[in-house]
């Protein structure tokens, strides 16, 4: 049986939280864009703007903590590219 240190367990827990955040954030962006091209309610658009802004802050904090581990492998690259893609999609959704 291998002995895992707490840093290894924390890294995997953070990666799990990151991918959960990514799924929730993707659904939020989908809901925002479907509302924009559907009913286009101004009150709901303001709420989506606040939710997207708060989720960008939460995702950024997760991303920065994961980057502190300095993982140059595949998981590090996947996290980096998905984060930048999600932020770019959020900026486009907010600008629309």
Protein backbone atom coordinates (compact mmCIF):
# COMPACT_ATOMS: atom_id res chain seq x y z
CA UNK A 1 0.00 0.00 0.00
CA UNK A 2 1.35 3.40 -0.96
CA UNK A 3 1.55 6.23 1.52
CA UNK A 4 0.08 9.46 0.20
CA UNK A 5 0.91 12.76 1.76
CA UNK A 6 -1.64 15.46 2.53
CA UNK A 7 -0.40 17.65 -0.33
CA UNK A 8 -1.29 14.92 -2.82
CA UNK A 9 -4.77 14.46 -1.33
CA UNK A 10 -5.36 18.23 -1.28
CA UNK A 11 -4.32 18.50 -4.93
CA UNK A 12 -6.81 15.85 -5.99
CA UNK A 13 -9.57 17.39 -3.88
CA UNK A 14 -8.92 20.78 -5.50
CA UNK A 15 -8.94 19.25 -8.98
CA UNK A 16 -12.28 17.63 -8.18
CA UNK A 17 -13.69 20.95 -6.94
CA UNK A 18 -12.36 22.68 -10.05
CA UNK A 19 -14.12 20.30 -12.43
CA UNK A 20 -17.35 20.56 -10.42
CA UNK A 21 -17.03 24.36 -10.66
CA UNK A 22 -16.42 24.06 -14.40
CA UNK A 23 -19.62 22.03 -14.89
CA UNK A 24 -21.71 24.43 -12.80
CA UNK A 25 -20.18 27.44 -14.57
CA UNK A 26 -20.89 25.92 -17.98
CA UNK A 27 -24.53 25.38 -17.06
CA UNK A 28 -24.74 28.95 -15.76
CA UNK A 29 -23.33 30.31 -19.02
CA UNK A 30 -25.75 28.15 -21.01
CA UNK A 31 -28.68 29.43 -18.95
CA UNK A 32 -27.51 33.02 -19.42
CA UNK A 33 -27.13 32.69 -23.18
CA UNK A 34 -30.41 30.84 -23.62
CA UNK A 35 -32.17 33.56 -21.64
CA UNK A 36 -30.47 36.22 -23.75
CA UNK A 37 -31.58 34.71 -27.05
CA UNK A 38 -34.98 33.68 -25.65
CA UNK A 39 -36.99 36.03 -23.46
CA UNK A 40 -34.30 38.66 -22.72
CA UNK A 41 -35.63 39.76 -19.32
CA UNK A 42 -33.59 42.71 -17.97
CA UNK A 43 -33.97 41.70 -14.30
CA UNK A 44 -32.79 38.17 -15.00
CA UNK A 45 -29.88 39.47 -17.05
CA UNK A 46 -28.67 41.48 -14.04
CA UNK A 47 -28.86 38.40 -11.82
CA UNK A 48 -26.92 36.31 -14.35
CA UNK A 49 -24.28 39.05 -14.56
CA UNK A 50 -23.81 38.94 -10.78
CA UNK A 51 -23.72 35.12 -10.72
CA UNK A 52 -21.20 34.97 -13.56
CA UNK A 53 -19.03 37.59 -11.86
CA UNK A 54 -19.05 35.70 -8.56
CA UNK A 55 -18.31 32.42 -10.32
CA UNK A 56 -15.36 33.98 -12.15
CA UNK A 57 -13.98 35.07 -8.77
CA UNK A 58 -14.47 31.58 -7.30
CA UNK A 59 -12.95 29.91 -10.36
CA UNK A 60 -10.00 32.27 -10.31
CA UNK A 61 -9.32 31.49 -6.67
CA UNK A 62 -9.46 27.74 -7.39
CA UNK A 63 -7.23 28.18 -10.44
CA UNK A 64 -4.64 30.19 -8.51
CA UNK A 65 -4.50 27.67 -5.67
CA UNK A 66 -4.13 24.79 -8.14
CA UNK A 67 -1.34 26.70 -9.92
CA UNK A 68 0.54 26.92 -6.60
CA UNK A 69 1.16 23.16 -6.87
CA UNK A 70 3.19 23.77 -10.07
CA UNK A 71 1.98 20.66 -11.85
CA UNK A 72 3.49 20.73 -15.37
CA UNK A 73 1.74 17.53 -16.44
CA UNK A 74 -1.42 16.89 -18.40
CA UNK A 75 -3.78 17.89 -15.58
CA UNK A 76 -2.02 21.25 -15.22
CA UNK A 77 -2.39 21.98 -18.92
CA UNK A 78 -6.03 20.87 -18.98
CA UNK A 79 -6.86 23.10 -16.00
CA UNK A 80 -5.06 26.06 -17.59
CA UNK A 81 -6.75 25.76 -20.98
CA UNK A 82 -10.24 25.06 -19.63
CA UNK A 83 -9.97 27.98 -17.21
CA UNK A 84 -8.97 30.45 -19.91
CA UNK A 85 -11.66 29.10 -22.25
CA UNK A 86 -14.31 29.43 -19.52
CA UNK A 87 -13.27 33.00 -18.68
CA UNK A 88 -13.26 33.95 -22.36
CA UNK A 89 -16.74 32.45 -22.78
CA UNK A 90 -17.93 34.34 -19.69
CA UNK A 91 -16.58 37.64 -21.00
CA UNK A 92 -18.31 37.07 -24.33
CA UNK A 93 -21.57 36.12 -22.59
CA UNK A 94 -21.46 39.21 -20.35
CA UNK A 95 -20.68 41.51 -23.28
CA UNK A 96 -23.66 40.20 -25.22
